[in-house]
Amino acid sequence: MSDAATKSDAAMKPGWTPRSAWAGILSEGSFGAKGPAGVIVTAREGVTAREGLGIASLIAPEDGEAALSQAVKTRFGLDLPTTPRTAVSAGRTLVWAGPGQWLFVTENRAGFANDLQALSGLAAIADQSDGRAVLTLSGGKIRTALAKGCMIDLHPSAFPVGSAALTSIAHIGVHLWRAEDGPDGAVFEFMVARSMAGSFWSWFSASAAEFNCAVRVGRG
């Protein structure tokens, strides 16, 4: 191939730049009613929302759940949830996603590939890290804001810390779970397909504006 042809071929290749699932959707600051923030959206320093997470789906083969459970316990010290619950240890979270199915979520992707490799052969594994969008939601009015469209009863007696659910909000499939309480009260993790991030934020921002919604940049 001539030099001219090589240069032409290179020029035709698109220059792909990694882009946050929330880019152009979320921005730091407050909006809605005046006064103290009743709803808080936590974001990471330097990027918007829960970027940098490692996310993978795990599906146990028929009669293979026991072997997967043992491997998860040995490597991560986690008990594989068999009900709509989460298991958390050392920056790793297992979220029940249906019978024989889970989401494996890590706080960053360092060592994530090795973690998945360790489970290879014990489950059908699909890396979903760039295909999902996650928001951490909290605040004194968060349950009231979510009640405008969430069909799950999020009262502490019905949805305590560690609970997980699959539901639909504004016709959008949502995977949610309750993390440990923080300084702003109850903390909920909401995960949607990346392609639905804008639609979810459109609904949530409208629901939260009544209570003053603050988008904050964290240090995690």
C-alpha atoms as a PDB file:
ATOM      1  CA  MET A   1       0.000   0.000   0.000  1.00  0.00           C
ATOM      2  CA  SER A   2       1.310   3.452  -0.926  1.00  0.00           C
ATOM      3  CA  ASP A   3       1.999   6.140   1.676  1.00  0.00           C
ATOM      4  CA  ALA A   4      -0.878   8.180   0.257  1.00  0.00           C
ATOM      5  CA  ALA A   5      -3.277   5.261   0.598  1.00  0.00           C
ATOM      6  CA  THR A   6      -2.111   4.606   4.167  1.00  0.00           C
ATOM      7  CA  LYS A   7      -2.660   8.240   5.144  1.00  0.00           C
ATOM      8  CA  SER A   8      -6.079   8.227   3.503  1.00  0.00           C
ATOM      9  CA  ASP A   9      -7.060   5.065   5.350  1.00  0.00           C
ATOM     10  CA  ALA A  10      -5.927   6.525   8.681  1.00  0.00           C
ATOM     11  CA  ALA A  11      -7.836   9.744   8.028  1.00  0.00           C
ATOM     12  CA  MET A  12     -11.055   7.784   7.534  1.00  0.00           C
ATOM     13  CA  LYS A  13     -10.835   6.103  10.936  1.00  0.00           C
ATOM     14  CA  PRO A  14     -12.979   7.934  13.494  1.00  0.00           C
ATOM     15  CA  GLY A  15     -11.265   9.320  16.580  1.00  0.00           C
ATOM     16  CA  TRP A  16     -13.322   7.837  19.400  1.00  0.00           C
ATOM     17  CA  THR A  17     -13.107   9.640  22.731  1.00  0.00           C
ATOM     18  CA  PRO A  18     -14.478   7.949  25.869  1.00  0.00           C
ATOM     19  CA  ARG A  19     -17.616   9.755  27.006  1.00  0.00           C
ATOM     20  CA  SER A  20     -19.430   9.609  30.314  1.00  0.00           C
ATOM     21  CA  ALA A  21     -22.911   8.100  30.242  1.00  0.00           C
ATOM     22  CA  TRP A  22     -24.074  11.334  31.885  1.00  0.00           C
ATOM     23  CA  ALA A  23     -22.102  13.765  29.711  1.00  0.00           C
ATOM     24  CA  GLY A  24     -24.374  16.551  28.515  1.00  0.00           C
ATOM     25  CA  ILE A  25     -27.081  15.385  30.916  1.00  0.00           C
ATOM     26  CA  LEU A  26     -25.800  16.029  34.430  1.00  0.00           C
ATOM     27  CA  SER A  27     -24.050  19.137  35.692  1.00  0.00           C
ATOM     28  CA  GLU A  28     -22.866  20.100  39.168  1.00  0.00           C
ATOM     29  CA  GLY A  29     -25.011  22.526  41.149  1.00  0.00           C
ATOM     30  CA  SER A  30     -28.550  22.842  42.477  1.00  0.00           C
ATOM     31  CA  PHE A  31     -31.888  23.286  40.763  1.00  0.00           C
ATOM     32  CA  GLY A  32     -35.549  23.494  41.677  1.00  0.00           C
ATOM     33  CA  ALA A  33     -37.056  24.937  44.829  1.00  0.00           C
ATOM     34  CA  LYS A  34     -35.079  27.262  47.073  1.00  0.00           C
ATOM     35  CA  GLY A  35     -33.790  26.222  50.470  1.00  0.00           C
ATOM     36  CA  PRO A  36     -31.804  23.254  51.800  1.00  0.00           C
ATOM     37  CA  ALA A  37     -31.281  20.368  49.416  1.00  0.00           C
ATOM     38  CA  GLY A  38     -33.895  17.696  49.958  1.00  0.00           C
ATOM     39  CA  VAL A  39     -32.513  15.407  47.246  1.00  0.00           C
ATOM     40  CA  ILE A  40     -28.834  14.794  46.563  1.00  0.00           C
ATOM     41  CA  VAL A  41     -27.202  13.224  43.525  1.00  0.00           C
ATOM     42  CA  THR A  42     -23.643  12.211  44.339  1.00  0.00           C
ATOM     43  CA  ALA A  43     -21.002  12.401  41.618  1.00  0.00           C
ATOM     44  CA  ARG A  44     -17.312  11.493  41.579  1.00  0.00           C
ATOM     45  CA  GLU A  45     -14.515  13.999  41.369  1.00  0.00           C
ATOM     46  CA  GLY A  46     -13.523  14.767  37.807  1.00  0.00           C
ATOM     47  CA  VAL A  47     -16.392  12.882  36.164  1.00  0.00           C
ATOM     48  CA  THR A  48     -20.134  12.829  36.422  1.00  0.00           C
ATOM     49  CA  ALA A  49     -22.007  10.214  38.415  1.00  0.00           C
ATOM     50  CA  ARG A  50     -20.703   6.740  39.209  1.00  0.00           C
ATOM     51  CA  GLU A  51     -18.081   6.543  36.496  1.00  0.00           C
ATOM     52  CA  GLY A  52     -15.212   4.072  36.588  1.00  0.00           C
ATOM     53  CA  LEU A  53     -17.272   1.278  38.096  1.00  0.00           C
ATOM     54  CA  GLY A  54     -16.659  -2.288  37.019  1.00  0.00           C
ATOM     55  CA  ILE A  55     -20.019  -3.920  36.229  1.00  0.00           C
ATOM     56  CA  ALA A  56     -20.626  -7.449  34.996  1.00  0.00           C
ATOM     57  CA  SER A  57     -23.618  -9.748  34.813  1.00  0.00           C
ATOM     58  CA  LEU A  58     -23.213 -13.276  36.171  1.00  0.00           C
ATOM     59  CA  ILE A  59     -25.557 -16.120  35.240  1.00  0.00           C
ATOM     60  CA  ALA A  60     -25.017 -19.474  36.921  1.00  0.00           C
ATOM     61  CA  PRO A  61     -25.439 -22.588  34.760  1.00  0.00           C
ATOM     62  CA  GLU A  62     -28.032 -25.167  35.719  1.00  0.00           C
ATOM     63  CA  ASP A  63     -26.870 -26.948  38.885  1.00  0.00           C
ATOM     64  CA  GLY A  64     -23.817 -24.647  38.967  1.00  0.00           C
ATOM     65  CA  GLU A  65     -24.865 -22.118  41.591  1.00  0.00           C
ATOM     66  CA  ALA A  66     -23.153 -23.983  44.436  1.00  0.00           C
ATOM     67  CA  ALA A  67     -19.782 -23.939  42.671  1.00  0.00           C
ATOM     68  CA  LEU A  68     -20.125 -20.247  41.833  1.00  0.00           C
ATOM     69  CA  SER A  69     -21.147 -19.484  45.404  1.00  0.00           C
ATOM     70  CA  GLN A  70     -18.066 -21.246  46.753  1.00  0.00           C
ATOM     71  CA  ALA A  71     -15.749 -19.410  44.357  1.00  0.00           C
ATOM     72  CA  VAL A  72     -17.251 -16.031  45.268  1.00  0.00           C
ATOM     73  CA  LYS A  73     -16.932 -16.819  48.965  1.00  0.00           C
ATOM     74  CA  THR A  74     -13.328 -17.962  48.634  1.00  0.00           C
ATOM     75  CA  ARG A  75     -12.089 -15.083  46.465  1.00  0.00           C
ATOM     76  CA  PHE A  76     -14.178 -12.154  47.717  1.00  0.00           C
ATOM     77  CA  GLY A  77     -15.518 -13.246  51.084  1.00  0.00           C
ATOM     78  CA  LEU A  78     -19.052 -12.657  49.817  1.00  0.00           C
ATOM     79  CA  ASP A  79     -22.143 -14.811  50.163  1.00  0.00           C
ATOM     80  CA  LEU A  80     -24.008 -15.053  46.885  1.00  0.00           C
ATOM     81  CA  PRO A  81     -27.474 -13.502  47.485  1.00  0.00           C
ATOM     82  CA  THR A  82     -30.332 -15.904  46.750  1.00  0.00           C
ATOM     83  CA  THR A  83     -33.069 -13.321  47.384  1.00  0.00           C
ATOM     84  CA  PRO A  84     -33.421  -9.662  46.277  1.00  0.00           C
ATOM     85  CA  ARG A  85     -30.481  -8.528  48.377  1.00  0.00           C
ATOM     86  CA  THR A  86     -26.906  -7.312  48.044  1.00  0.00           C
ATOM     87  CA  ALA A  87     -23.639  -8.555  49.505  1.00  0.00           C
ATOM     88  CA  VAL A  88     -20.827  -6.042  50.016  1.00  0.00           C
ATOM     89  CA  SER A  89     -17.148  -6.400  50.927  1.00  0.00           C
ATOM     90  CA  ALA A  90     -13.954  -4.450  50.190  1.00  0.00           C
ATOM     91  CA  GLY A  91     -15.287  -2.325  47.340  1.00  0.00           C
ATOM     92  CA  ARG A  92     -17.171  -5.188  45.688  1.00  0.00           C
ATOM     93  CA  THR A  93     -20.925  -5.635  45.584  1.00  0.00           C
ATOM     94  CA  LEU A  94     -23.035  -8.556  44.405  1.00  0.00           C
ATOM     95  CA  VAL A  95     -26.602  -7.576  43.539  1.00  0.00           C
ATOM     96  CA  TRP A  96     -29.332 -10.159  43.051  1.00  0.00           C
ATOM     97  CA  ALA A  97     -30.770  -9.811  39.534  1.00  0.00           C
ATOM     98  CA  GLY A  98     -33.179 -12.745  39.385  1.00  0.00           C
ATOM     99  CA  PRO A  99     -32.991 -16.502  40.027  1.00  0.00           C
ATOM    100  CA  GLY A 100     -29.440 -17.614  39.271  1.00  0.00           C
ATOM    101  CA  GLN A 101     -28.412 -14.114  38.134  1.00  0.00           C
ATOM    102  CA  TRP A 102     -26.396 -11.324  39.715  1.00  0.00           C
ATOM    103  CA  LEU A 103     -24.624  -8.062  39.002  1.00  0.00           C
ATOM    104  CA  PHE A 104     -21.018  -7.890  40.133  1.00  0.00           C
ATOM    105  CA  VAL A 105     -20.055  -4.261  40.806  1.00  0.00           C
ATOM    106  CA  THR A 106     -16.625  -2.956  41.824  1.00  0.00           C
ATOM    107  CA  GLU A 107     -15.745   0.592  42.885  1.00  0.00           C
ATOM    108  CA  ASN A 108     -13.071   0.802  40.191  1.00  0.00           C
ATOM    109  CA  ARG A 109     -11.746  -1.348  37.382  1.00  0.00           C
ATOM    110  CA  ALA A 110      -8.344  -2.066  38.867  1.00  0.00           C
ATOM    111  CA  GLY A 111      -8.176  -5.849  38.981  1.00  0.00           C
ATOM    112  CA  PHE A 112     -11.686  -6.147  37.574  1.00  0.00           C
ATOM    113  CA  ALA A 113     -10.591  -8.289  34.622  1.00  0.00           C
ATOM    114  CA  ASN A 114      -8.756 -10.635  37.005  1.00  0.00           C
ATOM    115  CA  ASP A 115     -11.859 -10.933  39.170  1.00  0.00           C
ATOM    116  CA  LEU A 116     -13.936 -11.930  36.157  1.00  0.00           C
ATOM    117  CA  GLN A 117     -11.270 -14.351  34.979  1.00  0.00           C
ATOM    118  CA  ALA A 118     -11.378 -16.079  38.368  1.00  0.00           C
ATOM    119  CA  LEU A 119     -15.076 -16.802  37.813  1.00  0.00           C
ATOM    120  CA  SER A 120     -14.650 -17.878  34.204  1.00  0.00           C
ATOM    121  CA  GLY A 121     -16.155 -21.296  33.604  1.00  0.00           C
ATOM    122  CA  LEU A 122     -18.419 -21.008  36.644  1.00  0.00           C
ATOM    123  CA  ALA A 123     -20.890 -18.530  35.141  1.00  0.00           C
ATOM    124  CA  ALA A 124     -21.862 -16.827  31.932  1.00  0.00           C
ATOM    125  CA  ILE A 125     -20.159 -13.442  32.335  1.00  0.00           C
ATOM    126  CA  ALA A 126     -20.796 -10.254  30.375  1.00  0.00           C
ATOM    127  CA  ASP A 127     -18.898  -7.038  31.096  1.00  0.00           C
ATOM    128  CA  GLN A 128     -21.515  -4.280  31.358  1.00  0.00           C
ATOM    129  CA  SER A 129     -19.216  -1.504  32.614  1.00  0.00           C
ATOM    130  CA  ASP A 130     -19.767   0.818  29.655  1.00  0.00           C
ATOM    131  CA  GLY A 131     -23.353  -0.221  29.012  1.00  0.00           C
ATOM    132  CA  ARG A 132     -24.916   0.878  32.298  1.00  0.00           C
ATOM    133  CA  ALA A 133     -25.405   4.259  33.937  1.00  0.00           C
ATOM    134  CA  VAL A 134     -25.533   4.550  37.742  1.00  0.00           C
ATOM    135  CA  LEU A 135     -26.606   7.351  40.072  1.00  0.00           C
ATOM    136  CA  THR A 136     -26.266   7.493  43.853  1.00  0.00           C
ATOM    137  CA  LEU A 137     -29.341   9.192  45.305  1.00  0.00           C
ATOM    138  CA  SER A 138     -29.926  10.375  48.870  1.00  0.00           C
ATOM    139  CA  GLY A 139     -31.414  13.218  50.913  1.00  0.00           C
ATOM    140  CA  GLY A 140     -34.279  13.749  53.321  1.00  0.00           C
ATOM    141  CA  LYS A 141     -36.867  13.898  50.527  1.00  0.00           C
ATOM    142  CA  ILE A 142     -35.450  11.179  48.290  1.00  0.00           C
ATOM    143  CA  ARG A 143     -38.182   8.652  49.061  1.00  0.00           C
ATOM    144  CA  THR A 144     -40.902  11.247  48.381  1.00  0.00           C
ATOM    145  CA  ALA A 145     -39.313  12.184  45.060  1.00  0.00           C
ATOM    146  CA  LEU A 146     -38.948   8.557  43.999  1.00  0.00           C
ATOM    147  CA  ALA A 147     -42.510   7.733  45.067  1.00  0.00           C
ATOM    148  CA  LYS A 148     -43.755   9.843  42.158  1.00  0.00           C
ATOM    149  CA  GLY A 149     -42.860   7.043  39.775  1.00  0.00           C
ATOM    150  CA  CYS A 150     -41.224   4.130  41.584  1.00  0.00           C
ATOM    151  CA  MET A 151     -43.581   1.223  42.240  1.00  0.00           C
ATOM    152  CA  ILE A 152     -41.354  -0.206  44.977  1.00  0.00           C
ATOM    153  CA  ASP A 153     -42.168   0.617  48.608  1.00  0.00           C
ATOM    154  CA  LEU A 154     -38.911   2.205  49.783  1.00  0.00           C
ATOM    155  CA  HIS A 155     -39.952   2.687  53.420  1.00  0.00           C
ATOM    156  CA  PRO A 156     -37.202   1.392  55.758  1.00  0.00           C
ATOM    157  CA  SER A 157     -39.505  -1.324  57.095  1.00  0.00           C
ATOM    158  CA  ALA A 158     -40.110  -2.650  53.571  1.00  0.00           C
ATOM    159  CA  PHE A 159     -36.771  -1.839  51.938  1.00  0.00           C
ATOM    160  CA  PRO A 160     -33.982  -1.936  54.536  1.00  0.00           C
ATOM    161  CA  VAL A 161     -30.267  -1.530  53.859  1.00  0.00           C
ATOM    162  CA  GLY A 162     -29.102  -4.296  51.531  1.00  0.00           C
ATOM    163  CA  SER A 163     -32.405  -4.669  49.686  1.00  0.00           C
ATOM    164  CA  ALA A 164     -32.451  -4.843  45.880  1.00  0.00           C
ATOM    165  CA  ALA A 165     -35.178  -4.691  43.252  1.00  0.00           C
ATOM    166  CA  LEU A 166     -35.840  -4.728  39.533  1.00  0.00           C
ATOM    167  CA  THR A 167     -38.650  -2.409  38.498  1.00  0.00           C
ATOM    168  CA  SER A 168     -39.834   0.097  35.909  1.00  0.00           C
ATOM    169  CA  ILE A 169     -39.929   3.881  36.260  1.00  0.00           C
ATOM    170  CA  ALA A 170     -41.410   6.045  33.503  1.00  0.00           C
ATOM    171  CA  HIS A 171     -41.365   2.929  31.287  1.00  0.00           C
ATOM    172  CA  ILE A 172     -37.606   2.562  31.911  1.00  0.00           C
ATOM    173  CA  GLY A 173     -36.157  -0.654  33.311  1.00  0.00           C
ATOM    174  CA  VAL A 174     -34.334   0.121  36.573  1.00  0.00           C
ATOM    175  CA  HIS A 175     -32.145  -1.951  38.869  1.00  0.00           C
ATOM    176  CA  LEU A 176     -31.911  -0.415  42.312  1.00  0.00           C
ATOM    177  CA  TRP A 177     -30.523  -1.272  45.703  1.00  0.00           C
ATOM    178  CA  ARG A 178     -30.143   0.377  49.077  1.00  0.00           C
ATOM    179  CA  ALA A 179     -26.585   0.993  50.239  1.00  0.00           C
ATOM    180  CA  GLU A 180     -25.409   1.820  53.753  1.00  0.00           C
ATOM    181  CA  ASP A 181     -26.881   5.055  55.102  1.00  0.00           C
ATOM    182  CA  GLY A 182     -24.720   8.147  54.696  1.00  0.00           C
ATOM    183  CA  PRO A 183     -24.583  11.607  56.252  1.00  0.00           C
ATOM    184  CA  ASP A 184     -27.643  12.596  54.208  1.00  0.00           C
ATOM    185  CA  GLY A 185     -29.703   9.591  55.325  1.00  0.00           C
ATOM    186  CA  ALA A 186     -30.806   6.677  53.173  1.00  0.00           C
ATOM    187  CA  VAL A 187     -28.679   5.992  50.081  1.00  0.00           C
ATOM    188  CA  PHE A 188     -30.038   4.341  46.944  1.00  0.00           C
ATOM    189  CA  GLU A 189     -28.101   3.175  43.900  1.00  0.00           C
ATOM    190  CA  PHE A 190     -30.035   3.386  40.631  1.00  0.00           C
ATOM    191  CA  MET A 191     -28.804   1.645  37.480  1.00  0.00           C
ATOM    192  CA  VAL A 192     -30.273   1.969  33.997  1.00  0.00           C
ATOM    193  CA  ALA A 193     -29.138   1.059  30.507  1.00  0.00           C
ATOM    194  CA  ARG A 194     -26.731   3.683  29.218  1.00  0.00           C
ATOM    195  CA  SER A 195     -29.061   4.465  26.320  1.00  0.00           C
ATOM    196  CA  MET A 196     -31.811   5.368  28.810  1.00  0.00           C
ATOM    197  CA  ALA A 197     -29.732   7.696  31.015  1.00  0.00           C
ATOM    198  CA  GLY A 198     -31.190  10.863  29.501  1.00  0.00           C
ATOM    199  CA  SER A 199     -34.765   9.625  29.781  1.00  0.00           C
ATOM    200  CA  PHE A 200     -34.284   8.573  33.392  1.00  0.00           C
ATOM    201  CA  TRP A 201     -32.720  11.906  34.318  1.00  0.00           C
ATOM    202  CA  SER A 202     -35.566  13.781  32.613  1.00  0.00           C
ATOM    203  CA  TRP A 203     -38.061  12.004  34.870  1.00  0.00           C
ATOM    204  CA  PHE A 204     -35.965  12.144  38.034  1.00  0.00           C
ATOM    205  CA  SER A 205     -34.941  15.797  37.746  1.00  0.00           C
ATOM    206  CA  ALA A 206     -38.586  16.811  37.296  1.00  0.00           C
ATOM    207  CA  SER A 207     -39.582  14.723  40.314  1.00  0.00           C
ATOM    208  CA  ALA A 208     -36.775  16.059  42.513  1.00  0.00           C
ATOM    209  CA  ALA A 209     -36.981  19.753  41.602  1.00  0.00           C
ATOM    210  CA  GLU A 210     -39.801  20.325  44.102  1.00  0.00           C
ATOM    211  CA  PHE A 211     -37.385  19.590  46.944  1.00  0.00           C
ATOM    212  CA  ASN A 212     -34.250  21.391  45.683  1.00  0.00           C
ATOM    213  CA  CYS A 213     -31.954  18.855  44.065  1.00  0.00           C
ATOM    214  CA  ALA A 214     -28.207  19.184  44.549  1.00  0.00           C
ATOM    215  CA  VAL A 215     -25.721  17.464  42.251  1.00  0.00           C
ATOM    216  CA  ARG A 216     -22.499  17.150  44.186  1.00  0.00           C
ATOM    217  CA  VAL A 217     -18.992  16.062  43.293  1.00  0.00           C
ATOM    218  CA  GLY A 218     -17.607  13.515  45.745  1.00  0.00           C
ATOM    219  CA  ARG A 219     -14.091  12.443  46.541  1.00  0.00           C
ATOM    220  CA  GLY A 220     -14.495   8.694  46.038  1.00  0.00           C
END
